[in-house]
């Protein structure tokens, strides 16, 4: 029996989907524990590409049980669309997918209010209603998955929330009001289609662990987007760090064995917010193009930059990684000189720790060490010893500076384009 948490170590988009998909072979259950359909995990199997937003990546494996935990906020329409898309590709869903009764539901009014607030204060959200849904959860006004099974409860909650939301839409934003009857009818239809998946998932997960099953907890986004430990306010609305697996799935920290951090060989982020190592010249565009750095959910171009060890040390501290996986190493092929950020300079001070103050992070200068690149192709290499010498030196530099073992190296999009230095399980 083994339990492992997979966490993005940067600003998300590190390639978690592929690593989850690969490790699922040795796991019985895959559990998504936070976020919503603002996340996108891309997995390539053979010639087929799958983009998953809510359903755990493990669904691509037969007979693996996939759970959407209570920490996830669910847009029922988006989920049903994802289910239909997978079924069309002959992926077995029924009997393999379970949704927590306590997942909060994204409602049309969450999307409407986020569209309006984003106009006034641009954070760079996906406008999927994630933030307002989590707001209602914390304010105890939320609609949960279990409410779909009780029409009167659902109706009462929608009515109470619309009293507030419609007042804001009309009087503050001069926007169109939403109709209670239309929303209720739509969500009752969702209820009929989703009720067979709704379950007491915390019980399922703990029973599985106690019976010796292997569990993989799959995070969305990345550490630097964590609502508490990220670059607030330019963050997501949930806890993306390893501790979120416990609250977002209903398991004790004592039942977690391993924590694997996923690290892109360079750094990217989507949306607004500070990004000290961002490359703003032609090289940044080259990395974006070669790496396919466009959001899986929105298609937005990602900002690209050099690897930032200061941010990664922060991620190691708050997550407690037992190992890391390096992804997209092949995208650095052909770059003559590689820079790695090993510190920040702010005014006359040298910073070795990730600053909590946005003011400092926005105005610091990265301090780099320069390493020689490599011209040989690393694409598709499956044997560590076959990597170019300078590629191995780059990886060793990262491992030495972070003092965490590199266990996995991804050298391409496909499932089998991977190097296993040491099993993370």
Protein backbone atom coordinates (compact mmCIF):
# COMPACT_ATOMS: atom_id res chain seq x y z
CA UNK A 1 0.00 0.00 0.00
CA UNK A 2 1.22 3.50 -0.84
CA UNK A 3 -0.28 6.97 -0.85
CA UNK A 4 1.32 9.77 -2.85
CA UNK A 5 0.37 13.40 -3.42
CA UNK A 6 1.30 15.02 -6.75
CA UNK A 7 1.79 18.79 -6.49
CA UNK A 8 2.78 21.49 -8.96
CA UNK A 9 5.85 23.27 -7.62
CA UNK A 10 5.58 26.49 -9.66
CA UNK A 11 2.67 28.52 -11.05
CA UNK A 12 0.89 25.48 -12.47
CA UNK A 13 1.13 24.03 -15.98
CA UNK A 14 4.13 21.91 -14.98
CA UNK A 15 2.93 18.78 -16.76
CA UNK A 16 1.27 17.08 -13.79
CA UNK A 17 -1.26 15.28 -15.97
CA UNK A 18 1.37 13.15 -17.71
CA UNK A 19 3.10 12.22 -14.44
CA UNK A 20 -0.21 11.33 -12.80
CA UNK A 21 -1.16 9.28 -15.84
CA UNK A 22 2.17 7.42 -15.73
CA UNK A 23 2.08 6.68 -11.99
CA UNK A 24 -1.57 5.60 -12.12
CA UNK A 25 -0.38 2.28 -13.56
CA UNK A 26 0.74 1.37 -10.02
CA UNK A 27 -2.20 2.91 -8.16
CA UNK A 28 -5.75 1.76 -7.53
CA UNK A 29 -7.40 5.13 -6.90
CA UNK A 30 -6.76 8.63 -8.21
CA UNK A 31 -8.25 11.52 -6.22
CA UNK A 32 -8.56 15.14 -7.33
CA UNK A 33 -8.74 17.29 -4.20
CA UNK A 34 -9.02 21.01 -5.11
CA UNK A 35 -9.63 23.54 -7.86
CA UNK A 36 -12.21 23.48 -10.60
CA UNK A 37 -12.50 23.46 -14.37
CA UNK A 38 -10.00 26.33 -14.51
CA UNK A 39 -7.34 23.60 -14.44
CA UNK A 40 -6.33 21.65 -17.51
CA UNK A 41 -4.26 18.47 -17.58
CA UNK A 42 -3.04 17.29 -20.99
CA UNK A 43 -2.17 13.62 -21.52
CA UNK A 44 -1.00 12.11 -24.80
CA UNK A 45 -1.59 8.38 -25.25
CA UNK A 46 -0.34 7.07 -28.58
CA UNK A 47 -1.69 9.47 -31.17
CA UNK A 48 -4.58 10.66 -28.99
CA UNK A 49 -4.51 13.81 -26.88
CA UNK A 50 -6.80 14.10 -23.86
CA UNK A 51 -7.42 17.38 -22.03
CA UNK A 52 -8.99 16.86 -18.62
CA UNK A 53 -10.37 19.65 -16.46
CA UNK A 54 -12.24 18.02 -13.57
CA UNK A 55 -11.96 14.26 -13.93
CA UNK A 56 -8.68 12.81 -12.57
CA UNK A 57 -6.16 11.81 -15.23
CA UNK A 58 -6.34 8.22 -14.01
CA UNK A 59 -9.65 7.78 -15.83
CA UNK A 60 -7.64 6.95 -18.98
CA UNK A 61 -6.66 3.64 -17.36
CA UNK A 62 -9.20 0.82 -17.24
CA UNK A 63 -10.54 -0.26 -13.85
CA UNK A 64 -8.95 2.61 -11.93
CA UNK A 65 -11.28 4.33 -9.47
CA UNK A 66 -11.32 8.11 -9.88
CA UNK A 67 -12.66 10.44 -7.23
CA UNK A 68 -13.51 14.14 -7.30
CA UNK A 69 -13.00 15.13 -3.67
CA UNK A 70 -14.91 17.59 -1.53
CA UNK A 71 -12.30 20.34 -2.04
CA UNK A 72 -13.13 20.60 -5.75
CA UNK A 73 -15.70 23.10 -7.04
CA UNK A 74 -17.70 21.56 -9.86
CA UNK A 75 -19.43 23.15 -12.83
CA UNK A 76 -21.97 20.40 -13.60
CA UNK A 77 -22.28 21.43 -17.25
CA UNK A 78 -18.53 21.35 -17.77
CA UNK A 79 -18.28 17.99 -16.00
CA UNK A 80 -21.01 16.41 -18.11
CA UNK A 81 -19.38 17.71 -21.27
CA UNK A 82 -16.10 16.15 -20.17
CA UNK A 83 -17.83 12.84 -19.40
CA UNK A 84 -19.49 12.80 -22.83
CA UNK A 85 -16.20 13.61 -24.59
CA UNK A 86 -14.42 10.74 -22.83
CA UNK A 87 -17.25 8.31 -23.53
CA UNK A 88 -17.05 9.20 -27.21
CA UNK A 89 -13.41 8.08 -27.06
CA UNK A 90 -14.46 4.77 -25.46
CA UNK A 91 -13.20 5.69 -21.97
CA UNK A 92 -15.21 3.84 -19.31
CA UNK A 93 -16.74 6.30 -16.85
CA UNK A 94 -19.64 4.52 -15.14
CA UNK A 95 -18.42 2.55 -12.14
CA UNK A 96 -15.05 4.31 -12.22
CA UNK A 97 -16.01 7.89 -11.29
CA UNK A 98 -17.22 9.06 -7.88
CA UNK A 99 -18.04 12.64 -6.85
CA UNK A 100 -18.10 13.83 -3.25
CA UNK A 101 -21.46 14.84 -1.86
CA UNK A 102 -19.72 17.87 -0.39
CA UNK A 103 -18.29 19.32 -3.60
CA UNK A 104 -19.56 22.86 -4.03
CA UNK A 105 -21.29 23.66 -7.30
CA UNK A 106 -20.40 26.52 -9.60
CA UNK A 107 -23.64 28.30 -10.43
CA UNK A 108 -24.42 30.64 -13.34
CA UNK A 109 -24.41 33.58 -10.93
CA UNK A 110 -20.81 32.76 -9.92
CA UNK A 111 -19.70 33.11 -13.51
CA UNK A 112 -21.77 36.27 -14.02
CA UNK A 113 -20.36 38.01 -10.95
CA UNK A 114 -16.77 37.03 -11.77
CA UNK A 115 -17.06 38.44 -15.27
CA UNK A 116 -18.12 41.76 -13.79
CA UNK A 117 -15.53 41.91 -10.99
CA UNK A 118 -12.71 41.00 -13.38
CA UNK A 119 -13.59 44.08 -15.42
CA UNK A 120 -13.08 46.29 -12.36
CA UNK A 121 -9.97 44.57 -10.94
CA UNK A 122 -8.01 42.41 -13.35
CA UNK A 123 -6.53 39.37 -11.62
CA UNK A 124 -6.28 37.21 -14.73
CA UNK A 125 -8.89 34.61 -13.80
CA UNK A 126 -10.35 32.13 -16.28
CA UNK A 127 -13.83 33.60 -15.59
CA UNK A 128 -15.13 30.13 -14.77
CA UNK A 129 -16.74 31.25 -11.51
CA UNK A 130 -14.15 29.51 -9.32
CA UNK A 131 -13.46 32.39 -6.93
CA UNK A 132 -17.09 33.36 -6.28
CA UNK A 133 -17.95 29.69 -5.71
CA UNK A 134 -15.25 29.39 -3.05
CA UNK A 135 -16.44 32.71 -1.62
CA UNK A 136 -19.93 31.29 -1.14
CA UNK A 137 -18.43 28.14 0.36
CA UNK A 138 -16.57 30.10 3.02
CA UNK A 139 -19.55 32.42 3.58
CA UNK A 140 -21.71 29.29 4.07
CA UNK A 141 -23.99 30.23 1.20
CA UNK A 142 -22.83 27.47 -1.13
CA UNK A 143 -24.78 24.90 -3.09
CA UNK A 144 -23.28 21.43 -2.74
CA UNK A 145 -23.46 18.33 -4.91
CA UNK A 146 -25.75 16.60 -2.42
CA UNK A 147 -28.27 19.45 -2.79
CA UNK A 148 -28.98 18.23 -6.31
CA UNK A 149 -30.71 15.25 -4.72
CA UNK A 150 -33.13 17.47 -2.76
CA UNK A 151 -35.05 19.81 -5.13
CA UNK A 152 -36.64 21.92 -2.37
CA UNK A 153 -33.29 22.57 -0.72
CA UNK A 154 -31.77 23.41 -4.09
CA UNK A 155 -34.60 25.82 -4.93
CA UNK A 156 -34.35 27.60 -1.57
CA UNK A 157 -30.58 28.09 -1.90
CA UNK A 158 -30.79 29.41 -5.46
CA UNK A 159 -33.53 31.87 -4.48
CA UNK A 160 -31.62 33.17 -1.46
CA UNK A 161 -28.41 33.68 -3.42
CA UNK A 162 -30.12 35.32 -6.38
CA UNK A 163 -31.70 37.92 -4.08
CA UNK A 164 -28.18 39.20 -3.42
CA UNK A 165 -26.55 38.52 -6.78
CA UNK A 166 -29.32 40.09 -8.87
CA UNK A 167 -29.25 43.20 -6.70
CA UNK A 168 -25.51 43.52 -7.39
CA UNK A 169 -25.80 42.75 -11.10
CA UNK A 170 -28.55 45.35 -11.55
CA UNK A 171 -27.46 48.15 -9.24
CA UNK A 172 -23.69 47.87 -9.14
CA UNK A 173 -22.76 46.47 -12.53
CA UNK A 174 -25.75 47.51 -14.65
CA UNK A 175 -25.87 43.93 -15.96
CA UNK A 176 -28.71 41.58 -16.78
CA UNK A 177 -30.39 39.77 -13.89
CA UNK A 178 -30.56 35.96 -13.79
CA UNK A 179 -33.80 33.97 -13.61
CA UNK A 180 -34.36 31.57 -10.75
CA UNK A 181 -36.64 29.20 -12.68
CA UNK A 182 -34.19 28.74 -15.54
CA UNK A 183 -31.31 27.94 -13.19
CA UNK A 184 -33.39 25.50 -11.12
CA UNK A 185 -34.62 23.68 -14.22
CA UNK A 186 -31.10 23.40 -15.60
CA UNK A 187 -29.65 22.06 -12.34
CA UNK A 188 -32.46 19.55 -11.84
CA UNK A 189 -31.54 18.21 -15.28
CA UNK A 190 -27.91 18.00 -14.16
CA UNK A 191 -29.08 16.12 -11.05
CA UNK A 192 -30.67 13.36 -13.11
CA UNK A 193 -27.47 12.86 -15.09
CA UNK A 194 -25.02 13.09 -12.20
CA UNK A 195 -26.78 11.36 -9.31
CA UNK A 196 -25.28 7.94 -10.11
CA UNK A 197 -21.79 9.34 -9.51
CA UNK A 198 -22.48 11.07 -6.17
CA UNK A 199 -20.98 9.25 -3.18
CA UNK A 200 -19.49 9.47 0.31
CA UNK A 201 -16.01 9.71 -1.14
CA UNK A 202 -14.17 10.29 2.14
CA UNK A 203 -15.44 6.90 3.29
CA UNK A 204 -14.43 5.26 0.00
CA UNK A 205 -10.92 6.72 0.18
CA UNK A 206 -10.28 5.77 3.79
CA UNK A 207 -11.66 2.28 3.30
CA UNK A 208 -9.38 1.86 0.30
CA UNK A 209 -6.32 2.98 2.28
CA UNK A 210 -7.21 0.75 5.23
CA UNK A 211 -7.60 -2.26 2.92
CA UNK A 212 -4.14 -1.78 1.44
CA UNK A 213 -4.99 -0.02 -1.83
CA UNK A 214 -2.61 2.48 -3.41
CA UNK A 215 -3.93 6.04 -3.67
CA UNK A 216 -2.69 8.94 -5.77
CA UNK A 217 -3.88 12.44 -4.84
CA UNK A 218 -3.81 14.76 -7.84
CA UNK A 219 -3.45 18.51 -7.35
CA UNK A 220 -4.36 21.25 -9.81
CA UNK A 221 -2.53 24.54 -10.49
CA UNK A 222 0.72 24.97 -8.51
CA UNK A 223 2.23 25.99 -5.18
CA UNK A 224 2.78 29.64 -6.13
CA UNK A 225 -0.95 29.92 -6.88
CA UNK A 226 -1.97 28.70 -3.42
CA UNK A 227 -4.48 31.03 -1.77
CA UNK A 228 -2.35 31.22 1.41
CA UNK A 229 1.21 30.53 0.22
CA UNK A 230 1.20 31.91 -3.32
CA UNK A 231 1.64 35.35 -4.88
CA UNK A 232 -1.60 36.73 -3.43
CA UNK A 233 -3.84 38.19 -4.82
CA UNK A 234 -2.64 36.76 -8.14
CA UNK A 235 -3.51 33.24 -7.08
CA UNK A 236 -6.28 30.68 -7.36
CA UNK A 237 -8.96 30.36 -4.66
CA UNK A 238 -7.97 27.03 -3.11
CA UNK A 239 -5.07 25.40 -1.26
CA UNK A 240 -2.90 23.90 -3.97
CA UNK A 241 -0.20 22.62 -1.61
CA UNK A 242 0.12 19.08 -0.22
CA UNK A 243 -1.88 19.88 2.91
CA UNK A 244 -4.86 20.54 0.68
CA UNK A 245 -5.03 16.82 -0.11
CA UNK A 246 -6.05 16.10 3.47
CA UNK A 247 -8.78 18.73 3.74
CA UNK A 248 -9.88 18.35 0.12
CA UNK A 249 -10.31 14.58 0.28
CA UNK A 250 -11.00 13.84 3.94
CA UNK A 251 -7.87 11.92 4.96
CA UNK A 252 -5.45 12.25 7.84
CA UNK A 253 -1.92 13.58 7.22
CA UNK A 254 -0.75 10.37 8.91
CA UNK A 255 -2.02 8.44 5.88
CA UNK A 256 0.17 10.29 3.35
CA UNK A 257 3.41 8.45 2.50
CA UNK A 258 5.06 10.42 -0.34
CA UNK A 259 4.80 13.91 -1.88
CA UNK A 260 6.09 14.40 -5.42
CA UNK A 261 6.68 17.93 -6.71
CA UNK A 262 6.37 18.52 -10.45
CA UNK A 263 8.92 21.04 -11.75
CA UNK A 264 9.07 22.35 -15.31
CA UNK A 265 12.69 22.64 -16.54
CA UNK A 266 11.98 26.37 -16.94
CA UNK A 267 9.18 28.50 -15.48
CA UNK A 268 5.84 29.69 -16.82
CA UNK A 269 2.81 31.46 -15.48
CA UNK A 270 -0.57 32.49 -16.90
CA UNK A 271 -2.39 35.71 -16.10
CA UNK A 272 -1.36 38.70 -14.06
CA UNK A 273 1.15 38.89 -11.22
CA UNK A 274 4.88 39.16 -10.53
CA UNK A 275 7.27 36.87 -12.42
CA UNK A 276 10.90 37.73 -11.63
CA UNK A 277 12.57 35.41 -14.18
CA UNK A 278 10.26 36.18 -17.12
CA UNK A 279 12.05 36.28 -20.49
CA UNK A 280 10.58 39.11 -22.57
CA UNK A 281 12.63 38.77 -25.76
CA UNK A 282 12.65 36.37 -28.72
CA UNK A 283 13.96 33.52 -26.59
CA UNK A 284 10.85 33.65 -24.43
CA UNK A 285 8.72 33.41 -27.56
CA UNK A 286 10.84 30.50 -28.81
CA UNK A 287 10.32 28.58 -25.57
CA UNK A 288 6.58 29.32 -25.68
CA UNK A 289 6.31 28.04 -29.25
CA UNK A 290 8.46 24.93 -28.78
CA UNK A 291 6.85 24.08 -25.46
CA UNK A 292 3.29 24.63 -26.67
CA UNK A 293 2.87 27.03 -23.79
CA UNK A 294 -0.78 27.89 -24.20
CA UNK A 295 -3.39 27.26 -21.52
CA UNK A 296 -5.17 23.91 -21.79
CA UNK A 297 -8.34 25.54 -20.45
CA UNK A 298 -8.28 29.01 -22.03
CA UNK A 299 -5.69 28.84 -24.80
CA UNK A 300 -4.02 31.94 -23.34
CA UNK A 301 -0.29 32.23 -24.08
CA UNK A 302 1.83 31.51 -21.02
CA UNK A 303 4.58 33.85 -19.92
CA UNK A 304 7.92 32.01 -20.05
CA UNK A 305 11.05 32.46 -17.98
CA UNK A 306 14.15 30.85 -16.52
CA UNK A 307 14.04 28.27 -13.75
CA UNK A 308 13.60 29.96 -10.36
CA UNK A 309 15.18 28.07 -7.47
CA UNK A 310 14.02 30.62 -4.89
CA UNK A 311 10.39 29.91 -5.71
CA UNK A 312 11.13 26.17 -5.73
CA UNK A 313 12.77 26.28 -2.29
CA UNK A 314 9.58 27.90 -1.01
CA UNK A 315 7.55 25.10 -2.62
CA UNK A 316 9.76 22.46 -1.01
CA UNK A 317 9.34 24.12 2.39
CA UNK A 318 5.54 24.32 2.39
CA UNK A 319 4.95 20.93 0.72
CA UNK A 320 7.72 18.72 2.09
CA UNK A 321 8.53 17.03 -1.21
CA UNK A 322 10.03 13.56 -0.90
CA UNK A 323 11.13 13.83 -4.55
CA UNK A 324 10.65 15.90 -7.69
CA UNK A 325 9.89 15.24 -11.34
CA UNK A 326 11.44 17.47 -14.03
CA UNK A 327 9.25 17.97 -17.09
CA UNK A 328 9.81 19.45 -20.56
CA UNK A 329 13.57 19.04 -20.47
CA UNK A 330 13.52 18.63 -24.24
CA UNK A 331 12.20 22.18 -24.74
CA UNK A 332 15.60 23.51 -23.65
CA UNK A 333 17.41 21.64 -26.45
CA UNK A 334 19.52 23.94 -28.60
CA UNK A 335 19.77 26.89 -26.19
CA UNK A 336 23.46 27.77 -25.89
CA UNK A 337 23.41 29.16 -22.36
CA UNK A 338 20.89 28.46 -19.63
CA UNK A 339 20.24 30.73 -16.68
CA UNK A 340 19.02 29.57 -13.27
CA UNK A 341 17.83 32.04 -10.65
CA UNK A 342 19.63 31.43 -7.33
CA UNK A 343 18.66 34.62 -5.49
CA UNK A 344 16.90 37.97 -5.69
CA UNK A 345 18.27 41.46 -5.21
CA UNK A 346 15.93 44.06 -3.73
CA UNK A 347 17.39 47.54 -3.28
CA UNK A 348 20.68 46.79 -1.47
CA UNK A 349 19.64 43.43 -0.02
CA UNK A 350 20.26 39.93 -1.37
CA UNK A 351 17.28 37.65 -0.77
CA UNK A 352 17.63 33.88 -0.56
CA UNK A 353 14.03 33.23 0.50
CA UNK A 354 10.86 33.82 -1.48
CA UNK A 355 9.45 37.18 -0.29
CA UNK A 356 5.93 37.30 1.09
CA UNK A 357 5.47 40.97 0.11
CA UNK A 358 4.13 41.55 -3.40
CA UNK A 359 5.89 44.92 -3.48
CA UNK A 360 9.28 43.24 -3.07
CA UNK A 361 8.60 40.42 -5.52
CA UNK A 362 7.42 42.87 -8.19
CA UNK A 363 10.56 44.99 -7.87
CA UNK A 364 13.34 42.51 -7.22
CA UNK A 365 16.06 41.59 -9.72
CA UNK A 366 16.85 37.89 -10.22
CA UNK A 367 20.42 36.77 -9.63
CA UNK A 368 21.49 34.08 -12.08
CA UNK A 369 24.05 31.35 -12.41
CA UNK A 370 24.75 30.49 -16.03
CA UNK A 371 25.14 26.91 -17.24
CA UNK A 372 26.13 25.61 -20.68
CA UNK A 373 23.28 24.29 -22.79
CA UNK A 374 23.29 21.35 -25.20
CA UNK A 375 22.67 20.99 -28.92
CA UNK A 376 21.83 17.29 -28.91
CA UNK A 377 18.15 16.26 -28.83
CA UNK A 378 16.77 14.90 -25.57
CA UNK A 379 13.34 14.28 -27.06
CA UNK A 380 12.00 10.83 -26.25
CA UNK A 381 15.09 9.65 -24.35
CA UNK A 382 14.20 6.97 -21.79
CA UNK A 383 17.66 6.21 -20.35
CA UNK A 384 19.31 8.77 -18.08
CA UNK A 385 22.80 7.81 -19.25
CA UNK A 386 21.87 8.68 -22.82
CA UNK A 387 21.14 12.31 -21.97
CA UNK A 388 23.68 14.89 -23.21
CA UNK A 389 26.42 15.61 -20.67
CA UNK A 390 25.33 19.21 -20.17
CA UNK A 391 21.72 18.15 -19.69
CA UNK A 392 22.83 15.84 -16.88
CA UNK A 393 24.90 18.67 -15.39
CA UNK A 394 21.84 20.95 -15.50
CA UNK A 395 19.77 18.35 -13.67
CA UNK A 396 22.50 17.69 -11.12
CA UNK A 397 22.80 21.43 -10.46
CA UNK A 398 19.07 21.58 -9.70
CA UNK A 399 19.22 18.54 -7.44
CA UNK A 400 22.24 19.84 -5.52
CA UNK A 401 20.78 23.32 -5.01
CA UNK A 402 17.37 22.06 -3.89
CA UNK A 403 18.65 19.08 -1.90
CA UNK A 404 15.78 16.95 -3.17
CA UNK A 405 16.17 13.89 -5.38
CA UNK A 406 15.05 14.09 -9.00
CA UNK A 407 13.08 10.87 -9.43
CA UNK A 408 11.45 11.38 -12.83
CA UNK A 409 12.46 13.25 -15.98
CA UNK A 410 9.98 13.82 -18.81
CA UNK A 411 11.46 14.16 -22.29
CA UNK A 412 8.34 14.55 -24.40
CA UNK A 413 4.56 14.65 -24.44
CA UNK A 414 3.89 10.95 -24.90
CA UNK A 415 3.21 8.61 -22.00
CA UNK A 416 6.39 6.57 -22.51
CA UNK A 417 8.78 9.48 -23.15
CA UNK A 418 10.04 9.42 -19.60
CA UNK A 419 13.08 8.53 -17.50
CA UNK A 420 12.65 6.91 -14.08
CA UNK A 421 15.77 7.54 -11.99
CA UNK A 422 14.13 6.36 -8.79
CA UNK A 423 10.60 5.16 -8.08
CA UNK A 424 8.60 7.84 -6.24
CA UNK A 425 6.16 5.24 -4.89
